């Protein structure tokens, strides 16, 4: 089954704790602090993979957590960085946050976006030594990584997309011209999910999408209209398939175009070709010459018998000019994106590990936030916690 939507929860790795350590060597009775810093937590990334076709990999697993940074050690040793998690998605995947705001659009192969940045590692006590504080007995704990929920939506990347009313013969036509093997039957809504096929010539290859049949009101969300219409947004050519044996060709043409115009997203201006299908069921093919500047050509054919199909297949390569290779971005923007939809909300306080327990520097937002932060830092029942000079016992 084709899956074009998924929800995921990502949690970046926590930063490692800084070390509380002093130099201990023979003949050096008062060695100074030598605690190293903790390593940063791992990131959670999405990567566009040209070999993937849908989001079915996220049906079985939706929660992803990156690795924790390693703790610092004595002798100034820094902790290792946490392991990143790289999630691969099809090219054309869009990422939306909890407010349904677009975060990223991975429209090119190997494009990347960081959805969760790992927490910073804590500083070791060596970093806090000063001329007046030569033996600091505290070190920082690492910060938690970013955590969030996202929705993934796939919009197919195709050179051409077949569109029309249910039972117009789109699947039969795709099976005739490409390597796809969609389900074909003589009843409406045979196709319930988009299908991709490749059409080959000696020099080029086209990707053609068969989108499930649209009904009146699809642009307003009737049925699964919005989901299906979204897959047309990136097609460079719309192939408007009409059942001349069962529909009034002029009415069918106007009905689908009305839905395209109502949906928006540039579909109303997209170039089209019109395919008058099922001509084998009529004594003479009907006449339809739309007075519409978007219509490049009109083809009369029969996907069932193959009559006229080869002419249409060859014309597709003429009507779909090769896609322009993306040139270098004028501003030098990378394909590697770090998502920052909101102001940085790093903690207004830090937690330090001491030789007696923990010390809190700064102002926690609430008791619940402080309690959770201490638990994440490893505080246990009965540990001493110094909050603004007041010594408390962790409960």
Foldseek 3Di string as FASTA:
>chain_A
DAAFKAKAKEWWAWWAWWAQDFDDDPPCPHGFTFTAWWAWTAFEKEFAAQVDDHDVVCPVPHYYYWFYTAYTDGNHRYTHYTGYHYHYGHAQKWKAFPVRDTFDGRNDHGQMETPKTTWHIKGYVVVVDDPVRGHDQKIFGTGTIDIGMMMIGGADAFQEEEAFAFQLCLQLLLVQFFVDDQDDDRDGQSDPAKDWTWGDDPPDIGIYIYFHYDDQCLLVVPPNSVSRVSNRLNHQEYEYGGAVVPDDVVVRVVRVLVSLVSNDSCSNQHAYEYEHEPCVVDPGGDDDDDPDPSYDYYFYAYSVVGGRSVVVSVVSPVVRDDDDDDDQDPVNDDSYYYGDPDPDDGFQWTWMQGPQAIEIGGDGPDPVRVLVVSVVSPHDFQGWYQYPNDIDTRD
